[in-house]
Amino acid sequence: MAQAPYIELEAAKDIIIVALNRFDPDLGARADEMLHDDRRLNIVEVTDREAVMMQCRPAGVTMDDVRANAEMYIPDFAERFGPAFTRQDNPEDYAIIDFEYDGTARSIIWLAHETGHALADDVQRENGHSFRDFSAGEMEEQAYFIQHIVSRYVREHMPETVVAADEHRQDDLGESILKMSFDRAAQFTNAGQTFENAQAQPPAERSTSIQKALDFKSI
């Protein structure tokens, strides 16, 4: 199978922003600001299509927080992922995305997922909450909600050759992330239903559904 063309990082950012803006202008504006703020992005472009780094470090996360999550703590993190990625904590008052971008449609979807984590972190902090108020599963649902929005847009609006950029997948574009090391099937499904419910609403009435998806404790 011929290798699909490399999708430039700035184009990938634009796809995420447009997808979220079409779904909700506030989400689009938040993503636009975030994805053009160098303080919040530690993204390395790779061409071997073997990207492995994709994480969002919530605002204020400490190493004690990370160690408390057995799924996420990696004792030799810096040795494994350095020199570009050396930290699992984040002393800043904003979430930071660490990501290896490989130019595929799959990579766009995964970047949307990490953007979802960061967007949820922003919304929660605005409401007086933080990542510590949510379980790992709840945080995954928040990110998957944003992922579903972008995945739907990509499937419906990108050319066939671009949608097929991940030559290794046989399943739905949005579901390819389930092949990572964590089993997130339940969170993916729950977030998909939340997305479908919000999608069925008139755009002007989606704000409450979006708020609930990203910070249900504020509702």
Protein backbone atom coordinates (compact mmCIF):
# COMPACT_ATOMS: atom_id res chain seq x y z
CA MET A 1 0.00 0.00 0.00
CA ALA A 2 1.34 3.44 -0.93
CA GLN A 3 2.21 5.65 2.00
CA ALA A 4 -0.23 8.51 2.48
CA PRO A 5 1.16 12.05 2.34
CA TYR A 6 2.58 13.63 5.48
CA ILE A 7 0.09 16.09 7.00
CA GLU A 8 2.00 19.10 8.31
CA LEU A 9 1.62 19.88 12.00
CA GLU A 10 0.14 23.34 11.41
CA ALA A 11 -2.44 21.77 9.11
CA ALA A 12 -3.27 19.23 11.83
CA LYS A 13 -3.79 22.04 14.35
CA ASP A 14 -6.07 23.83 11.90
CA ILE A 15 -8.13 20.66 11.39
CA ILE A 16 -8.67 20.30 15.14
CA ILE A 17 -9.55 23.98 15.53
CA VAL A 18 -12.01 23.99 12.62
CA ALA A 19 -13.66 20.77 13.81
CA LEU A 20 -14.18 22.14 17.32
CA ASN A 21 -15.25 25.55 16.05
CA ARG A 22 -17.93 24.00 13.86
CA PHE A 23 -19.19 22.03 16.84
CA ASP A 24 -19.01 24.98 19.24
CA PRO A 25 -17.31 28.37 18.67
CA ASP A 26 -16.13 28.60 22.28
CA LEU A 27 -14.40 25.22 22.03
CA GLY A 28 -12.82 26.29 18.77
CA ALA A 29 -11.57 29.54 20.27
CA ARG A 30 -10.11 27.73 23.26
CA ALA A 31 -8.34 25.22 21.02
CA ASP A 32 -7.05 28.00 18.75
CA GLU A 33 -5.48 29.83 21.67
CA MET A 34 -4.03 26.66 23.15
CA LEU A 35 -2.59 25.20 19.95
CA HIS A 36 -0.83 28.48 19.14
CA ASP A 37 0.68 28.97 22.58
CA ASP A 38 4.25 27.64 22.59
CA ARG A 39 4.27 27.48 26.39
CA ARG A 40 1.59 24.81 26.30
CA LEU A 41 3.01 22.63 23.54
CA ASN A 42 6.02 20.35 23.52
CA ILE A 43 5.49 18.74 20.13
CA VAL A 44 8.21 16.99 18.14
CA GLU A 45 7.61 16.14 14.49
CA VAL A 46 8.81 12.71 13.39
CA THR A 47 8.75 11.05 9.98
CA ASP A 48 9.18 7.38 10.86
CA ARG A 49 5.50 7.05 11.84
CA GLU A 50 6.44 5.34 15.07
CA ALA A 51 5.37 8.10 17.47
CA VAL A 52 5.03 6.92 21.04
CA MET A 53 4.87 10.06 23.18
CA MET A 54 1.42 11.48 23.76
CA GLN A 55 0.49 12.88 27.13
CA CYS A 56 -1.06 15.93 28.75
CA ARG A 57 0.37 17.14 32.04
CA PRO A 58 -2.40 18.87 34.00
CA ALA A 59 -1.73 22.21 35.64
CA GLY A 60 0.02 21.72 38.97
CA VAL A 61 0.47 17.96 38.74
CA THR A 62 3.26 16.77 41.06
CA MET A 63 5.37 13.64 41.03
CA ASP A 64 3.38 12.46 44.05
CA ASP A 65 0.24 12.73 41.92
CA VAL A 66 1.89 10.79 39.11
CA ARG A 67 3.21 8.07 41.41
CA ALA A 68 -0.30 7.62 42.82
CA ASN A 69 -1.49 6.58 39.35
CA ALA A 70 0.06 3.18 38.65
CA GLU A 71 -1.05 3.31 35.00
CA MET A 72 0.81 6.53 34.28
CA TYR A 73 3.94 6.49 36.43
CA ILE A 74 7.12 5.59 34.52
CA PRO A 75 10.18 5.47 36.82
CA ASP A 76 12.70 5.80 33.96
CA PHE A 77 10.67 8.38 32.02
CA ALA A 78 13.54 10.74 31.14
CA GLU A 79 15.78 7.88 30.04
CA ARG A 80 13.08 6.40 27.83
CA PHE A 81 11.73 9.57 26.24
CA GLY A 82 14.46 12.18 26.56
CA PRO A 83 15.87 14.51 25.51
CA ALA A 84 12.64 16.04 24.19
CA PHE A 85 10.45 14.65 26.96
CA THR A 86 11.85 14.51 30.49
CA ARG A 87 9.03 15.41 32.88
CA GLN A 88 5.80 13.88 34.12
CA ASP A 89 5.07 16.70 36.57
CA ASN A 90 4.02 20.26 35.70
CA PRO A 91 4.48 23.18 38.11
CA GLU A 92 2.78 25.64 35.74
CA ASP A 93 -0.78 26.91 36.13
CA TYR A 94 -1.74 25.60 32.69
CA ALA A 95 -1.78 22.13 31.14
CA ILE A 96 1.08 21.18 28.81
CA ILE A 97 0.83 18.73 25.90
CA ASP A 98 3.82 16.48 25.15
CA PHE A 99 3.48 14.82 21.76
CA GLU A 100 5.32 13.11 18.92
CA TYR A 101 3.49 14.01 15.73
CA ASP A 102 4.00 11.66 12.78
CA GLY A 103 1.91 13.31 10.07
CA THR A 104 -0.87 10.71 9.84
CA ALA A 105 -4.61 11.14 10.26
CA ARG A 106 -4.30 8.88 13.29
CA SER A 107 -1.82 11.35 14.79
CA ILE A 108 -4.32 14.17 14.33
CA ILE A 109 -6.90 12.18 16.28
CA TRP A 110 -4.45 11.43 19.07
CA LEU A 111 -3.43 15.10 19.24
CA ALA A 112 -7.12 15.96 19.52
CA HIS A 113 -7.34 13.52 22.44
CA GLU A 114 -4.51 15.23 24.32
CA THR A 115 -6.00 18.62 23.46
CA GLY A 116 -9.19 17.33 25.06
CA HIS A 117 -7.35 16.63 28.30
CA ALA A 118 -5.93 20.15 28.28
CA LEU A 119 -9.27 21.78 27.46
CA ALA A 120 -10.96 19.88 30.27
CA ASP A 121 -8.20 20.94 32.65
CA ASP A 122 -8.76 24.60 31.72
CA VAL A 123 -12.53 24.40 32.16
CA GLN A 124 -12.21 22.62 35.50
CA ARG A 125 -9.79 25.19 36.86
CA GLU A 126 -12.13 27.98 35.82
CA ASN A 127 -14.82 26.28 37.90
CA GLY A 128 -12.61 25.78 40.95
CA HIS A 129 -11.85 22.11 40.23
CA SER A 130 -8.74 20.23 39.15
CA PHE A 131 -7.68 16.85 37.80
CA ARG A 132 -7.57 15.62 41.40
CA ASP A 133 -11.37 15.82 41.54
CA PHE A 134 -11.75 13.21 38.78
CA SER A 135 -10.86 9.55 38.40
CA ALA A 136 -8.54 8.41 35.61
CA GLY A 137 -11.54 6.94 33.77
CA GLU A 138 -13.50 10.20 34.01
CA MET A 139 -10.55 12.15 32.63
CA GLU A 140 -10.30 9.75 29.70
CA GLU A 141 -13.97 10.29 28.90
CA GLN A 142 -13.37 14.05 28.83
CA ALA A 143 -10.57 13.64 26.31
CA TYR A 144 -12.49 11.11 24.22
CA PHE A 145 -15.38 13.57 23.95
CA ILE A 146 -13.12 16.03 22.14
CA GLN A 147 -11.59 13.19 20.13
CA HIS A 148 -15.02 12.12 18.90
CA ILE A 149 -15.78 15.63 17.65
CA VAL A 150 -12.57 15.78 15.62
CA SER A 151 -12.81 12.18 14.42
CA ARG A 152 -16.29 12.78 13.02
CA TYR A 153 -15.10 15.91 11.24
CA VAL A 154 -12.08 14.12 9.75
CA ARG A 155 -14.17 11.24 8.44
CA GLU A 156 -16.73 13.58 6.89
CA HIS A 157 -14.56 16.37 5.50
CA MET A 158 -11.05 15.11 4.74
CA PRO A 159 -10.17 13.52 1.38
CA GLU A 160 -10.25 9.74 1.21
CA THR A 161 -6.48 9.46 0.82
CA VAL A 162 -5.90 11.52 3.97
CA VAL A 163 -8.44 9.61 6.03
CA ALA A 164 -6.56 6.45 5.06
CA ALA A 165 -3.24 7.87 6.28
CA ASP A 166 -2.88 5.21 8.98
CA GLU A 167 -2.07 2.26 6.75
CA HIS A 168 -1.94 -0.06 9.76
CA ARG A 169 -5.55 0.21 10.83
CA GLN A 170 -8.57 -1.77 9.70
CA ASP A 171 -11.09 -0.25 12.11
CA ASP A 172 -12.83 3.08 12.54
CA LEU A 173 -10.46 6.06 12.60
CA GLY A 174 -11.54 7.17 16.06
CA GLU A 175 -11.19 3.69 17.55
CA SER A 176 -7.54 3.23 16.59
CA ILE A 177 -6.47 4.83 19.86
CA LEU A 178 -7.92 1.81 21.67
CA LYS A 179 -4.91 -0.18 20.47
CA MET A 180 -2.72 1.65 22.96
CA SER A 181 -1.55 -0.09 26.10
CA PHE A 182 -4.55 0.93 28.21
CA ASP A 183 -8.00 -0.59 27.77
CA ARG A 184 -10.23 2.45 27.37
CA ALA A 185 -13.16 0.85 25.56
CA ALA A 186 -15.75 1.81 28.19
CA GLN A 187 -14.60 5.42 28.38
CA PHE A 188 -14.51 5.65 24.58
CA THR A 189 -18.05 4.31 24.31
CA ASN A 190 -19.43 6.54 27.06
CA ALA A 191 -17.83 9.62 25.55
CA GLY A 192 -19.20 8.66 22.14
CA GLN A 193 -22.72 8.60 23.51
CA THR A 194 -22.19 11.98 25.17
CA PHE A 195 -20.95 13.33 21.84
CA GLU A 196 -23.92 11.93 19.91
CA ASN A 197 -26.35 13.45 22.42
CA ALA A 198 -24.67 16.86 22.12
CA GLN A 199 -24.46 16.55 18.34
CA ALA A 200 -28.23 16.04 18.20
CA GLN A 201 -28.82 19.38 19.90
CA PRO A 202 -28.98 22.72 18.04
CA PRO A 203 -25.53 24.35 18.25
CA ALA A 204 -26.84 27.19 20.40
CA GLU A 205 -28.00 24.69 23.02
CA ARG A 206 -24.83 22.59 23.33
CA SER A 207 -23.01 24.64 25.97
CA THR A 208 -24.47 22.76 28.94
CA SER A 209 -23.71 19.38 27.36
CA ILE A 210 -20.13 20.46 26.65
CA GLN A 211 -19.70 21.77 30.17
CA LYS A 212 -20.99 18.49 31.54
CA ALA A 213 -18.68 16.48 29.28
CA LEU A 214 -15.58 18.39 30.41
CA ASP A 215 -16.47 19.17 34.04
CA PHE A 216 -19.65 17.41 35.14
CA LYS A 217 -19.01 18.39 38.75
CA SER A 218 -19.80 22.00 37.93
CA ILE A 219 -23.31 21.18 36.72
